[in-house]
């Protein structure tokens, strides 16, 4: 397997020393940092355009250069640490990592799609911690991974990794708490203000805090594989369904595809006891979706969004942070009682 080693050296001209911790990484003033980004690339043609896109600024291009003699070099200025994506000129995502003072090393095999999904950046606090969490999760040690995540999000001030998690956290209330503890350089970003409003809206489709008024499902209607419109309300209000899993997914989403066997296991275990699944596919290729659900034996309620993606009404109604996203609905009350959690454990307790 051929790999690309990307070495990113970020230098702060304003400071002689820089503190590198999970909670704080970057210059302690608000002056832009002058950074050098270097790397060797294989598998991309000479002259291929390479760009760094800022995740915390609507994927604004920070800097663009071209491959020369199997190498590249950037000279960006950043006023705060950020999460970036490295893209090729054909919009192929090569890697994502955190841009912050230090030397960051990323191995890339541009021809291997699986390798492109591996977060293997090392060399700085946020990247080393992110990689460690991914390794723990991949190794099945979820408890240790969760504990390390908690250290990251509880840090004061919170750094770029905590901000990244805030956008994907299960609890919007906890995510808002992360935003309140951000380092000043990050807290002042427009991205944070927009994320704060998104989280406030997302809270309306999450389990309500204990003692609060319940949040209820928002109805939707989409066609099934036979073209018949099926509403979520018709499934929730079916007296045989004690609970309904609302599953947002897509065939092009690797994480969604990996979750299918677990959904099948849950369905086989609890369907006869009163569980139904309402899966909403965010799929532009309807024919492929029909073939996929048939071949994979997904025998629950499957519908396909006719306007997939972030412009979808369902996506906006539920303020989805991404897919897969799974919610659990109480069939008797219509209340949302769980969102993107360990559903098997929750269902086991509910069906005791």
C-alpha atoms as a PDB file:
ATOM      1  CA  UNK A   1       0.000   0.000   0.000  1.00  0.00           C
ATOM      2  CA  UNK A   2       1.401   3.392  -0.950  1.00  0.00           C
ATOM      3  CA  UNK A   3       1.077   6.108   1.628  1.00  0.00           C
ATOM      4  CA  UNK A   4       1.507   9.843   1.642  1.00  0.00           C
ATOM      5  CA  UNK A   5       3.191  11.510   4.593  1.00  0.00           C
ATOM      6  CA  UNK A   6       1.927  15.014   5.196  1.00  0.00           C
ATOM      7  CA  UNK A   7       3.948  17.139   7.578  1.00  0.00           C
ATOM      8  CA  UNK A   8       2.345  20.302   8.814  1.00  0.00           C
ATOM      9  CA  UNK A   9       4.477  22.754  10.771  1.00  0.00           C
ATOM     10  CA  UNK A  10       2.643  25.652  12.343  1.00  0.00           C
ATOM     11  CA  UNK A  11       4.785  28.432  13.767  1.00  0.00           C
ATOM     12  CA  UNK A  12       3.567  31.337  15.825  1.00  0.00           C
ATOM     13  CA  UNK A  13       5.692  34.398  15.129  1.00  0.00           C
ATOM     14  CA  UNK A  14       4.143  36.319  17.996  1.00  0.00           C
ATOM     15  CA  UNK A  15       5.136  33.929  20.811  1.00  0.00           C
ATOM     16  CA  UNK A  16       8.359  32.277  21.857  1.00  0.00           C
ATOM     17  CA  UNK A  17       6.575  29.384  23.498  1.00  0.00           C
ATOM     18  CA  UNK A  18       3.141  27.874  23.041  1.00  0.00           C
ATOM     19  CA  UNK A  19       1.126  25.819  25.524  1.00  0.00           C
ATOM     20  CA  UNK A  20      -0.186  22.645  23.941  1.00  0.00           C
ATOM     21  CA  UNK A  21      -2.974  21.051  25.963  1.00  0.00           C
ATOM     22  CA  UNK A  22      -6.330  19.499  25.176  1.00  0.00           C
ATOM     23  CA  UNK A  23      -8.147  22.547  26.398  1.00  0.00           C
ATOM     24  CA  UNK A  24      -5.848  25.210  24.931  1.00  0.00           C
ATOM     25  CA  UNK A  25      -3.778  25.111  21.794  1.00  0.00           C
ATOM     26  CA  UNK A  26      -2.815  28.094  19.745  1.00  0.00           C
ATOM     27  CA  UNK A  27      -1.573  31.629  20.288  1.00  0.00           C
ATOM     28  CA  UNK A  28      -2.662  33.355  23.465  1.00  0.00           C
ATOM     29  CA  UNK A  29      -3.293  36.600  21.612  1.00  0.00           C
ATOM     30  CA  UNK A  30      -5.568  37.312  18.668  1.00  0.00           C
ATOM     31  CA  UNK A  31      -2.834  38.049  16.147  1.00  0.00           C
ATOM     32  CA  UNK A  32      -2.858  35.841  13.028  1.00  0.00           C
ATOM     33  CA  UNK A  33      -0.332  33.038  13.106  1.00  0.00           C
ATOM     34  CA  UNK A  34       1.950  32.492  10.149  1.00  0.00           C
ATOM     35  CA  UNK A  35       2.179  28.764   9.491  1.00  0.00           C
ATOM     36  CA  UNK A  36       4.061  26.506   7.142  1.00  0.00           C
ATOM     37  CA  UNK A  37       2.318  23.441   5.785  1.00  0.00           C
ATOM     38  CA  UNK A  38       4.464  20.934   3.926  1.00  0.00           C
ATOM     39  CA  UNK A  39       3.979  17.436   2.660  1.00  0.00           C
ATOM     40  CA  UNK A  40       4.917  14.702   0.226  1.00  0.00           C
ATOM     41  CA  UNK A  41       2.143  13.238  -1.889  1.00  0.00           C
ATOM     42  CA  UNK A  42       1.966  10.098  -4.003  1.00  0.00           C
ATOM     43  CA  UNK A  43      -0.944   9.032  -6.170  1.00  0.00           C
ATOM     44  CA  UNK A  44      -1.731  12.543  -7.367  1.00  0.00           C
ATOM     45  CA  UNK A  45      -0.483  13.940 -10.653  1.00  0.00           C
ATOM     46  CA  UNK A  46       2.034  16.714 -10.965  1.00  0.00           C
ATOM     47  CA  UNK A  47       0.303  20.066 -10.809  1.00  0.00           C
ATOM     48  CA  UNK A  48      -2.793  18.775  -8.990  1.00  0.00           C
ATOM     49  CA  UNK A  49      -4.395  21.544  -6.942  1.00  0.00           C
ATOM     50  CA  UNK A  50      -4.517  20.898  -3.180  1.00  0.00           C
ATOM     51  CA  UNK A  51      -6.577  22.969  -0.740  1.00  0.00           C
ATOM     52  CA  UNK A  52      -7.063  23.338   3.001  1.00  0.00           C
ATOM     53  CA  UNK A  53     -10.747  24.001   3.853  1.00  0.00           C
ATOM     54  CA  UNK A  54     -11.764  25.442   7.232  1.00  0.00           C
ATOM     55  CA  UNK A  55     -14.532  23.372   8.854  1.00  0.00           C
ATOM     56  CA  UNK A  56     -15.180  26.163  11.374  1.00  0.00           C
ATOM     57  CA  UNK A  57     -15.695  28.749   8.618  1.00  0.00           C
ATOM     58  CA  UNK A  58     -18.170  27.117   6.208  1.00  0.00           C
ATOM     59  CA  UNK A  59     -15.324  25.222   4.489  1.00  0.00           C
ATOM     60  CA  UNK A  60     -13.697  28.451   3.363  1.00  0.00           C
ATOM     61  CA  UNK A  61     -10.447  27.731   1.569  1.00  0.00           C
ATOM     62  CA  UNK A  62      -7.564  28.770   3.808  1.00  0.00           C
ATOM     63  CA  UNK A  63      -4.874  28.266   1.195  1.00  0.00           C
ATOM     64  CA  UNK A  64      -4.397  26.540  -2.165  1.00  0.00           C
ATOM     65  CA  UNK A  65      -1.269  25.208  -3.801  1.00  0.00           C
ATOM     66  CA  UNK A  66      -0.265  22.594  -6.355  1.00  0.00           C
ATOM     67  CA  UNK A  67       1.646  19.340  -6.211  1.00  0.00           C
ATOM     68  CA  UNK A  68       5.216  19.866  -7.366  1.00  0.00           C
ATOM     69  CA  UNK A  69       7.722  17.044  -7.605  1.00  0.00           C
ATOM     70  CA  UNK A  70       5.556  14.973  -5.296  1.00  0.00           C
ATOM     71  CA  UNK A  71       5.455  17.699  -2.660  1.00  0.00           C
ATOM     72  CA  UNK A  72       3.368  20.717  -1.645  1.00  0.00           C
ATOM     73  CA  UNK A  73       3.730  23.719   0.614  1.00  0.00           C
ATOM     74  CA  UNK A  74       1.249  26.123   2.225  1.00  0.00           C
ATOM     75  CA  UNK A  75       1.855  29.403   4.067  1.00  0.00           C
ATOM     76  CA  UNK A  76      -1.504  30.198   5.738  1.00  0.00           C
ATOM     77  CA  UNK A  77      -2.257  32.683   8.482  1.00  0.00           C
ATOM     78  CA  UNK A  78      -4.712  31.557  11.172  1.00  0.00           C
ATOM     79  CA  UNK A  79      -5.945  33.562  14.138  1.00  0.00           C
ATOM     80  CA  UNK A  80      -7.031  30.461  16.091  1.00  0.00           C
ATOM     81  CA  UNK A  81      -6.807  26.667  15.959  1.00  0.00           C
ATOM     82  CA  UNK A  82      -9.306  25.067  13.622  1.00  0.00           C
ATOM     83  CA  UNK A  83     -10.480  21.792  12.116  1.00  0.00           C
ATOM     84  CA  UNK A  84      -9.528  21.498   8.446  1.00  0.00           C
ATOM     85  CA  UNK A  85     -10.073  19.203   5.486  1.00  0.00           C
ATOM     86  CA  UNK A  86      -7.412  18.523   2.879  1.00  0.00           C
ATOM     87  CA  UNK A  87      -9.003  18.333  -0.574  1.00  0.00           C
ATOM     88  CA  UNK A  88      -7.750  17.629  -4.062  1.00  0.00           C
ATOM     89  CA  UNK A  89      -8.937  19.686  -7.032  1.00  0.00           C
ATOM     90  CA  UNK A  90     -11.685  17.175  -7.867  1.00  0.00           C
ATOM     91  CA  UNK A  91     -13.164  17.678  -4.372  1.00  0.00           C
ATOM     92  CA  UNK A  92     -11.807  14.381  -3.104  1.00  0.00           C
ATOM     93  CA  UNK A  93     -11.438  14.556   0.667  1.00  0.00           C
ATOM     94  CA  UNK A  94      -7.986  13.263   1.516  1.00  0.00           C
ATOM     95  CA  UNK A  95      -7.896  13.726   5.300  1.00  0.00           C
ATOM     96  CA  UNK A  96      -9.222  15.892   8.101  1.00  0.00           C
ATOM     97  CA  UNK A  97      -7.313  17.041  11.144  1.00  0.00           C
ATOM     98  CA  UNK A  98      -6.776  19.986  13.501  1.00  0.00           C
ATOM     99  CA  UNK A  99      -4.578  22.867  12.393  1.00  0.00           C
ATOM    100  CA  UNK A 100      -2.701  24.211  15.401  1.00  0.00           C
ATOM    101  CA  UNK A 101       0.881  25.099  16.412  1.00  0.00           C
ATOM    102  CA  UNK A 102       3.243  22.151  16.160  1.00  0.00           C
ATOM    103  CA  UNK A 103       4.179  19.514  13.618  1.00  0.00           C
ATOM    104  CA  UNK A 104       1.340  17.339  12.390  1.00  0.00           C
ATOM    105  CA  UNK A 105       2.003  14.104  10.513  1.00  0.00           C
ATOM    106  CA  UNK A 106      -0.732  12.435   8.451  1.00  0.00           C
ATOM    107  CA  UNK A 107      -0.288   9.272   6.369  1.00  0.00           C
ATOM    108  CA  UNK A 108      -2.545   9.208   3.312  1.00  0.00           C
ATOM    109  CA  UNK A 109      -3.202   6.637   0.630  1.00  0.00           C
ATOM    110  CA  UNK A 110      -5.236   8.579  -1.917  1.00  0.00           C
ATOM    111  CA  UNK A 111      -6.235   5.403  -3.762  1.00  0.00           C
ATOM    112  CA  UNK A 112      -7.675   3.626  -0.698  1.00  0.00           C
ATOM    113  CA  UNK A 113     -11.137   4.858   0.343  1.00  0.00           C
ATOM    114  CA  UNK A 114     -10.922   3.078   3.693  1.00  0.00           C
ATOM    115  CA  UNK A 115      -7.662   4.798   4.520  1.00  0.00           C
ATOM    116  CA  UNK A 116      -9.211   8.197   3.797  1.00  0.00           C
ATOM    117  CA  UNK A 117     -11.695   7.614   6.625  1.00  0.00           C
ATOM    118  CA  UNK A 118      -8.991   6.882   9.208  1.00  0.00           C
ATOM    119  CA  UNK A 119      -8.160   9.796  11.523  1.00  0.00           C
ATOM    120  CA  UNK A 120      -4.453   9.198  11.978  1.00  0.00           C
ATOM    121  CA  UNK A 121      -3.001  12.702  12.368  1.00  0.00           C
ATOM    122  CA  UNK A 122      -0.382  12.981  15.124  1.00  0.00           C
ATOM    123  CA  UNK A 123       1.970  15.558  16.558  1.00  0.00           C
ATOM    124  CA  UNK A 124      -0.235  18.047  18.437  1.00  0.00           C
ATOM    125  CA  UNK A 125      -2.556  17.821  21.426  1.00  0.00           C
ATOM    126  CA  UNK A 126      -5.901  17.846  19.616  1.00  0.00           C
ATOM    127  CA  UNK A 127      -4.762  15.450  16.885  1.00  0.00           C
ATOM    128  CA  UNK A 128      -3.073  13.009  19.271  1.00  0.00           C
ATOM    129  CA  UNK A 129      -6.152  12.941  21.514  1.00  0.00           C
ATOM    130  CA  UNK A 130      -8.549  12.560  18.591  1.00  0.00           C
ATOM    131  CA  UNK A 131      -6.518   9.654  17.226  1.00  0.00           C
ATOM    132  CA  UNK A 132      -6.413   7.978  20.648  1.00  0.00           C
ATOM    133  CA  UNK A 133     -10.202   8.204  21.005  1.00  0.00           C
ATOM    134  CA  UNK A 134     -10.697   6.710  17.539  1.00  0.00           C
ATOM    135  CA  UNK A 135      -8.314   3.850  18.358  1.00  0.00           C
ATOM    136  CA  UNK A 136     -10.153   3.101  21.604  1.00  0.00           C
ATOM    137  CA  UNK A 137     -13.509   3.042  19.804  1.00  0.00           C
ATOM    138  CA  UNK A 138     -12.195   0.857  16.977  1.00  0.00           C
ATOM    139  CA  UNK A 139     -10.724  -1.476  19.584  1.00  0.00           C
ATOM    140  CA  UNK A 140     -14.083  -1.878  21.301  1.00  0.00           C
ATOM    141  CA  UNK A 141     -13.094   0.059  24.428  1.00  0.00           C
ATOM    142  CA  UNK A 142     -15.991   2.509  24.307  1.00  0.00           C
ATOM    143  CA  UNK A 143     -15.882   3.180  28.053  1.00  0.00           C
ATOM    144  CA  UNK A 144     -12.306   4.474  27.897  1.00  0.00           C
ATOM    145  CA  UNK A 145     -13.079   6.448  24.732  1.00  0.00           C
ATOM    146  CA  UNK A 146     -16.059   8.119  26.406  1.00  0.00           C
ATOM    147  CA  UNK A 147     -13.988   8.961  29.471  1.00  0.00           C
ATOM    148  CA  UNK A 148     -11.346  10.655  27.328  1.00  0.00           C
ATOM    149  CA  UNK A 149     -14.049  12.552  25.428  1.00  0.00           C
ATOM    150  CA  UNK A 150     -15.417  13.806  28.721  1.00  0.00           C
ATOM    151  CA  UNK A 151     -11.971  15.136  29.632  1.00  0.00           C
ATOM    152  CA  UNK A 152     -11.895  17.009  26.326  1.00  0.00           C
ATOM    153  CA  UNK A 153     -15.341  18.587  26.578  1.00  0.00           C
ATOM    154  CA  UNK A 154     -14.991  19.430  30.289  1.00  0.00           C
ATOM    155  CA  UNK A 155     -11.696  21.264  29.823  1.00  0.00           C
ATOM    156  CA  UNK A 156     -11.661  24.987  30.604  1.00  0.00           C
ATOM    157  CA  UNK A 157     -11.036  26.679  28.313  1.00  0.00           C
ATOM    158  CA  UNK A 158     -12.275  24.218  25.700  1.00  0.00           C
ATOM    159  CA  UNK A 159     -10.230  23.871  22.522  1.00  0.00           C
ATOM    160  CA  UNK A 160     -10.829  22.926  18.875  1.00  0.00           C
ATOM    161  CA  UNK A 161     -11.441  19.230  19.560  1.00  0.00           C
ATOM    162  CA  UNK A 162     -14.148  20.119  22.090  1.00  0.00           C
ATOM    163  CA  UNK A 163     -15.759  22.438  19.526  1.00  0.00           C
ATOM    164  CA  UNK A 164     -15.696  19.637  16.959  1.00  0.00           C
ATOM    165  CA  UNK A 165     -17.442  17.319  19.421  1.00  0.00           C
ATOM    166  CA  UNK A 166     -19.999  19.995  20.328  1.00  0.00           C
ATOM    167  CA  UNK A 167     -21.336  19.885  16.774  1.00  0.00           C
ATOM    168  CA  UNK A 168     -21.785  16.089  16.993  1.00  0.00           C
ATOM    169  CA  UNK A 169     -22.658  15.601  20.673  1.00  0.00           C
ATOM    170  CA  UNK A 170     -25.712  13.526  21.656  1.00  0.00           C
ATOM    171  CA  UNK A 171     -27.013  16.137  24.091  1.00  0.00           C
ATOM    172  CA  UNK A 172     -27.496  19.658  22.753  1.00  0.00           C
ATOM    173  CA  UNK A 173     -27.719  20.989  26.306  1.00  0.00           C
ATOM    174  CA  UNK A 174     -24.238  19.594  27.053  1.00  0.00           C
ATOM    175  CA  UNK A 175     -22.969  20.871  23.702  1.00  0.00           C
ATOM    176  CA  UNK A 176     -24.158  24.379  24.555  1.00  0.00           C
ATOM    177  CA  UNK A 177     -22.175  24.076  27.788  1.00  0.00           C
ATOM    178  CA  UNK A 178     -19.062  23.309  25.728  1.00  0.00           C
ATOM    179  CA  UNK A 179     -19.602  26.483  23.690  1.00  0.00           C
ATOM    180  CA  UNK A 180     -19.814  28.493  26.916  1.00  0.00           C
ATOM    181  CA  UNK A 181     -16.324  27.293  27.905  1.00  0.00           C
ATOM    182  CA  UNK A 182     -14.522  27.829  24.587  1.00  0.00           C
ATOM    183  CA  UNK A 183     -11.183  29.596  24.410  1.00  0.00           C
ATOM    184  CA  UNK A 184     -11.742  33.238  23.344  1.00  0.00           C
ATOM    185  CA  UNK A 185     -10.231  32.775  19.866  1.00  0.00           C
ATOM    186  CA  UNK A 186     -12.847  30.129  19.087  1.00  0.00           C
ATOM    187  CA  UNK A 187     -15.781  31.644  20.985  1.00  0.00           C
ATOM    188  CA  UNK A 188     -15.802  34.739  18.787  1.00  0.00           C
ATOM    189  CA  UNK A 189     -16.207  32.784  15.536  1.00  0.00           C
ATOM    190  CA  UNK A 190     -19.422  33.194  13.547  1.00  0.00           C
ATOM    191  CA  UNK A 191     -19.486  29.402  13.270  1.00  0.00           C
ATOM    192  CA  UNK A 192     -19.989  29.174  17.033  1.00  0.00           C
ATOM    193  CA  UNK A 193     -22.906  31.648  17.004  1.00  0.00           C
ATOM    194  CA  UNK A 194     -24.589  29.662  14.217  1.00  0.00           C
ATOM    195  CA  UNK A 195     -23.935  26.357  15.960  1.00  0.00           C
ATOM    196  CA  UNK A 196     -25.454  27.736  19.158  1.00  0.00           C
ATOM    197  CA  UNK A 197     -28.712  28.540  17.342  1.00  0.00           C
ATOM    198  CA  UNK A 198     -28.706  25.133  15.641  1.00  0.00           C
ATOM    199  CA  UNK A 199     -28.274  23.363  18.979  1.00  0.00           C
ATOM    200  CA  UNK A 200     -31.145  25.316  20.514  1.00  0.00           C
ATOM    201  CA  UNK A 201     -33.384  24.162  17.666  1.00  0.00           C
ATOM    202  CA  UNK A 202     -32.103  20.582  17.853  1.00  0.00           C
ATOM    203  CA  UNK A 203     -33.079  20.401  21.518  1.00  0.00           C
ATOM    204  CA  UNK A 204     -36.722  20.386  20.391  1.00  0.00           C
ATOM    205  CA  UNK A 205     -36.274  16.900  18.916  1.00  0.00           C
ATOM    206  CA  UNK A 206     -34.258  15.391  21.745  1.00  0.00           C
ATOM    207  CA  UNK A 207     -35.403  13.741  24.968  1.00  0.00           C
ATOM    208  CA  UNK A 208     -36.593  16.532  27.257  1.00  0.00           C
ATOM    209  CA  UNK A 209     -34.759  17.026  30.566  1.00  0.00           C
ATOM    210  CA  UNK A 210     -36.344  15.253  33.524  1.00  0.00           C
ATOM    211  CA  UNK A 211     -39.280  17.250  34.858  1.00  0.00           C
ATOM    212  CA  UNK A 212     -39.740  19.181  31.604  1.00  0.00           C
ATOM    213  CA  UNK A 213     -42.534  18.961  29.043  1.00  0.00           C
ATOM    214  CA  UNK A 214     -41.822  16.110  26.587  1.00  0.00           C
ATOM    215  CA  UNK A 215     -40.635  16.746  23.037  1.00  0.00           C
ATOM    216  CA  UNK A 216     -42.761  14.979  20.430  1.00  0.00           C
ATOM    217  CA  UNK A 217     -41.927  13.580  17.003  1.00  0.00           C
ATOM    218  CA  UNK A 218     -42.483  15.743  13.923  1.00  0.00           C
ATOM    219  CA  UNK A 219     -44.464  13.950  11.256  1.00  0.00           C
ATOM    220  CA  UNK A 220     -43.242  13.242   7.725  1.00  0.00           C
ATOM    221  CA  UNK A 221     -44.467  11.274   4.735  1.00  0.00           C
ATOM    222  CA  UNK A 222     -42.243   9.644   2.104  1.00  0.00           C
ATOM    223  CA  UNK A 223     -42.721   6.856  -0.476  1.00  0.00           C
ATOM    224  CA  UNK A 224     -41.678   3.285   0.252  1.00  0.00           C
ATOM    225  CA  UNK A 225     -39.984   0.963  -2.254  1.00  0.00           C
ATOM    226  CA  UNK A 226     -43.333   0.412  -3.999  1.00  0.00           C
ATOM    227  CA  UNK A 227     -43.994   4.124  -4.297  1.00  0.00           C
ATOM    228  CA  UNK A 228     -46.671   4.098  -1.587  1.00  0.00           C
ATOM    229  CA  UNK A 229     -46.586   7.153   0.739  1.00  0.00           C
ATOM    230  CA  UNK A 230     -46.038   6.111   4.358  1.00  0.00           C
ATOM    231  CA  UNK A 231     -46.242   8.636   7.179  1.00  0.00           C
ATOM    232  CA  UNK A 232     -44.284   8.411  10.386  1.00  0.00           C
ATOM    233  CA  UNK A 233     -47.475   9.114  12.336  1.00  0.00           C
ATOM    234  CA  UNK A 234     -49.168   6.037  10.846  1.00  0.00           C
ATOM    235  CA  UNK A 235     -46.355   3.882  12.221  1.00  0.00           C
ATOM    236  CA  UNK A 236     -46.191   5.572  15.627  1.00  0.00           C
ATOM    237  CA  UNK A 237     -49.977   5.435  16.114  1.00  0.00           C
ATOM    238  CA  UNK A 238     -50.217   1.785  15.093  1.00  0.00           C
ATOM    239  CA  UNK A 239     -51.391   0.130  18.356  1.00  0.00           C
ATOM    240  CA  UNK A 240     -49.112  -2.864  17.811  1.00  0.00           C
ATOM    241  CA  UNK A 241     -46.022  -0.624  17.930  1.00  0.00           C
ATOM    242  CA  UNK A 242     -44.981   0.176  21.475  1.00  0.00           C
ATOM    243  CA  UNK A 243     -41.829   1.939  20.302  1.00  0.00           C
ATOM    244  CA  UNK A 244     -40.568   3.242  16.950  1.00  0.00           C
ATOM    245  CA  UNK A 245     -36.965   3.764  15.929  1.00  0.00           C
ATOM    246  CA  UNK A 246     -36.683   6.726  13.550  1.00  0.00           C
ATOM    247  CA  UNK A 247     -33.550   6.088  11.532  1.00  0.00           C
ATOM    248  CA  UNK A 248     -31.945   8.643   9.182  1.00  0.00           C
ATOM    249  CA  UNK A 249     -29.364   7.061   6.891  1.00  0.00           C
ATOM    250  CA  UNK A 250     -28.114   6.648   3.285  1.00  0.00           C
ATOM    251  CA  UNK A 251     -26.515   3.930   1.215  1.00  0.00           C
ATOM    252  CA  UNK A 252     -23.556   6.223   0.435  1.00  0.00           C
ATOM    253  CA  UNK A 253     -22.844   6.720   4.167  1.00  0.00           C
ATOM    254  CA  UNK A 254     -20.267   4.156   5.345  1.00  0.00           C
ATOM    255  CA  UNK A 255     -21.254   4.557   8.995  1.00  0.00           C
ATOM    256  CA  UNK A 256     -24.899   3.964   8.075  1.00  0.00           C
ATOM    257  CA  UNK A 257     -24.090   0.827   6.113  1.00  0.00           C
ATOM    258  CA  UNK A 258     -21.977  -0.491   9.004  1.00  0.00           C
ATOM    259  CA  UNK A 259     -24.959   0.054  11.331  1.00  0.00           C
ATOM    260  CA  UNK A 260     -27.362  -2.098   9.270  1.00  0.00           C
ATOM    261  CA  UNK A 261     -26.382  -5.444  10.873  1.00  0.00           C
ATOM    262  CA  UNK A 262     -26.983  -3.963  14.329  1.00  0.00           C
ATOM    263  CA  UNK A 263     -30.393  -2.651  13.264  1.00  0.00           C
ATOM    264  CA  UNK A 264     -31.276  -6.096  11.911  1.00  0.00           C
ATOM    265  CA  UNK A 265     -30.231  -7.652  15.204  1.00  0.00           C
ATOM    266  CA  UNK A 266     -32.346  -5.184  17.193  1.00  0.00           C
ATOM    267  CA  UNK A 267     -35.335  -5.668  14.893  1.00  0.00           C
ATOM    268  CA  UNK A 268     -35.160  -9.455  15.132  1.00  0.00           C
ATOM    269  CA  UNK A 269     -34.893  -9.248  18.911  1.00  0.00           C
ATOM    270  CA  UNK A 270     -37.674  -6.741  19.647  1.00  0.00           C
ATOM    271  CA  UNK A 271     -40.075  -6.553  16.701  1.00  0.00           C
ATOM    272  CA  UNK A 272     -42.400  -9.238  18.048  1.00  0.00           C
ATOM    273  CA  UNK A 273     -42.423  -7.395  21.374  1.00  0.00           C
ATOM    274  CA  UNK A 274     -43.645  -4.179  19.785  1.00  0.00           C
ATOM    275  CA  UNK A 275     -40.730  -2.429  18.075  1.00  0.00           C
ATOM    276  CA  UNK A 276     -40.948  -0.968  14.571  1.00  0.00           C
ATOM    277  CA  UNK A 277     -38.276   0.868  12.587  1.00  0.00           C
ATOM    278  CA  UNK A 278     -39.025   3.770  10.237  1.00  0.00           C
ATOM    279  CA  UNK A 279     -35.895   4.281   8.127  1.00  0.00           C
ATOM    280  CA  UNK A 280     -35.610   7.450   6.052  1.00  0.00           C
ATOM    281  CA  UNK A 281     -33.002   7.109   3.310  1.00  0.00           C
ATOM    282  CA  UNK A 282     -31.297  10.313   2.177  1.00  0.00           C
ATOM    283  CA  UNK A 283     -30.652   8.773  -1.222  1.00  0.00           C
ATOM    284  CA  UNK A 284     -30.560  10.501  -4.605  1.00  0.00           C
ATOM    285  CA  UNK A 285     -30.231   7.097  -6.347  1.00  0.00           C
ATOM    286  CA  UNK A 286     -33.626   5.567  -5.577  1.00  0.00           C
ATOM    287  CA  UNK A 287     -33.093   2.431  -7.687  1.00  0.00           C
ATOM    288  CA  UNK A 288     -29.886   1.580  -5.845  1.00  0.00           C
ATOM    289  CA  UNK A 289     -31.651   2.147  -2.520  1.00  0.00           C
ATOM    290  CA  UNK A 290     -34.405  -0.299  -3.492  1.00  0.00           C
ATOM    291  CA  UNK A 291     -31.846  -2.941  -4.431  1.00  0.00           C
ATOM    292  CA  UNK A 292     -29.831  -2.313  -1.281  1.00  0.00           C
ATOM    293  CA  UNK A 293     -32.659  -2.751   1.227  1.00  0.00           C
ATOM    294  CA  UNK A 294     -33.826  -5.910  -0.537  1.00  0.00           C
ATOM    295  CA  UNK A 295     -30.386  -7.518  -0.677  1.00  0.00           C
ATOM    296  CA  UNK A 296     -29.598  -6.601   2.936  1.00  0.00           C
ATOM    297  CA  UNK A 297     -32.890  -7.981   4.242  1.00  0.00           C
ATOM    298  CA  UNK A 298     -34.082  -4.703   5.754  1.00  0.00           C
ATOM    299  CA  UNK A 299     -37.669  -5.826   6.279  1.00  0.00           C
ATOM    300  CA  UNK A 300     -38.924  -2.951   8.418  1.00  0.00           C
ATOM    301  CA  UNK A 301     -40.567   0.261   7.141  1.00  0.00           C
ATOM    302  CA  UNK A 302     -38.246   1.853   4.585  1.00  0.00           C
ATOM    303  CA  UNK A 303     -38.951   5.160   2.840  1.00  0.00           C
ATOM    304  CA  UNK A 304     -36.814   7.389   0.652  1.00  0.00           C
ATOM    305  CA  UNK A 305     -36.515  11.164   0.984  1.00  0.00           C
ATOM    306  CA  UNK A 306     -37.417  12.758  -2.346  1.00  0.00           C
ATOM    307  CA  UNK A 307     -35.217  15.777  -1.553  1.00  0.00           C
ATOM    308  CA  UNK A 308     -32.246  14.304   0.307  1.00  0.00           C
ATOM    309  CA  UNK A 309     -29.605  16.248   2.150  1.00  0.00           C
ATOM    310  CA  UNK A 310     -29.605  19.394   4.194  1.00  0.00           C
ATOM    311  CA  UNK A 311     -32.394  20.942   2.098  1.00  0.00           C
ATOM    312  CA  UNK A 312     -34.736  18.156   3.146  1.00  0.00           C
ATOM    313  CA  UNK A 313     -37.688  19.189   5.316  1.00  0.00           C
ATOM    314  CA  UNK A 314     -37.110  16.236   7.629  1.00  0.00           C
ATOM    315  CA  UNK A 315     -33.407  17.122   7.915  1.00  0.00           C
ATOM    316  CA  UNK A 316     -34.319  20.684   8.881  1.00  0.00           C
ATOM    317  CA  UNK A 317     -37.180  19.666  11.197  1.00  0.00           C
ATOM    318  CA  UNK A 318     -34.881  17.398  13.193  1.00  0.00           C
ATOM    319  CA  UNK A 319     -31.784  19.619  12.793  1.00  0.00           C
ATOM    320  CA  UNK A 320     -29.696  16.572  11.949  1.00  0.00           C
ATOM    321  CA  UNK A 321     -25.988  16.964  12.744  1.00  0.00           C
ATOM    322  CA  UNK A 322     -25.359  14.286  10.119  1.00  0.00           C
ATOM    323  CA  UNK A 323     -26.156  10.636   9.459  1.00  0.00           C
ATOM    324  CA  UNK A 324     -26.644   8.073  10.800  1.00  0.00           C
ATOM    325  CA  UNK A 325     -28.962   9.588  13.402  1.00  0.00           C
ATOM    326  CA  UNK A 326     -31.433   7.420  15.327  1.00  0.00           C
ATOM    327  CA  UNK A 327     -34.268   8.506  17.622  1.00  0.00           C
ATOM    328  CA  UNK A 328     -36.554   6.376  19.777  1.00  0.00           C
ATOM    329  CA  UNK A 329     -40.243   7.340  19.945  1.00  0.00           C
ATOM    330  CA  UNK A 330     -42.803   6.178  22.504  1.00  0.00           C
ATOM    331  CA  UNK A 331     -45.727   4.738  20.516  1.00  0.00           C
ATOM    332  CA  UNK A 332     -48.253   5.538  23.212  1.00  0.00           C
ATOM    333  CA  UNK A 333     -47.394   9.213  23.722  1.00  0.00           C
ATOM    334  CA  UNK A 334     -45.365  10.155  20.628  1.00  0.00           C
ATOM    335  CA  UNK A 335     -42.619  11.526  22.880  1.00  0.00           C
ATOM    336  CA  UNK A 336     -38.975  11.293  21.865  1.00  0.00           C
ATOM    337  CA  UNK A 337     -37.233   9.313  24.592  1.00  0.00           C
ATOM    338  CA  UNK A 338     -33.742   8.760  23.150  1.00  0.00           C
ATOM    339  CA  UNK A 339     -31.546  10.093  20.383  1.00  0.00           C
ATOM    340  CA  UNK A 340     -28.387   8.517  18.962  1.00  0.00           C
ATOM    341  CA  UNK A 341     -27.698   6.391  22.012  1.00  0.00           C
ATOM    342  CA  UNK A 342     -27.098   2.718  22.848  1.00  0.00           C
ATOM    343  CA  UNK A 343     -30.571   1.685  21.711  1.00  0.00           C
ATOM    344  CA  UNK A 344     -30.059  -2.005  22.427  1.00  0.00           C
ATOM    345  CA  UNK A 345     -29.430  -1.301  26.104  1.00  0.00           C
ATOM    346  CA  UNK A 346     -32.400   1.092  26.303  1.00  0.00           C
ATOM    347  CA  UNK A 347     -34.739  -1.331  24.527  1.00  0.00           C
ATOM    348  CA  UNK A 348     -33.645  -4.194  26.747  1.00  0.00           C
ATOM    349  CA  UNK A 349     -34.750  -2.180  29.774  1.00  0.00           C
ATOM    350  CA  UNK A 350     -38.013  -1.049  28.140  1.00  0.00           C
ATOM    351  CA  UNK A 351     -39.040  -4.545  27.084  1.00  0.00           C
ATOM    352  CA  UNK A 352     -38.206  -6.276  30.371  1.00  0.00           C
END
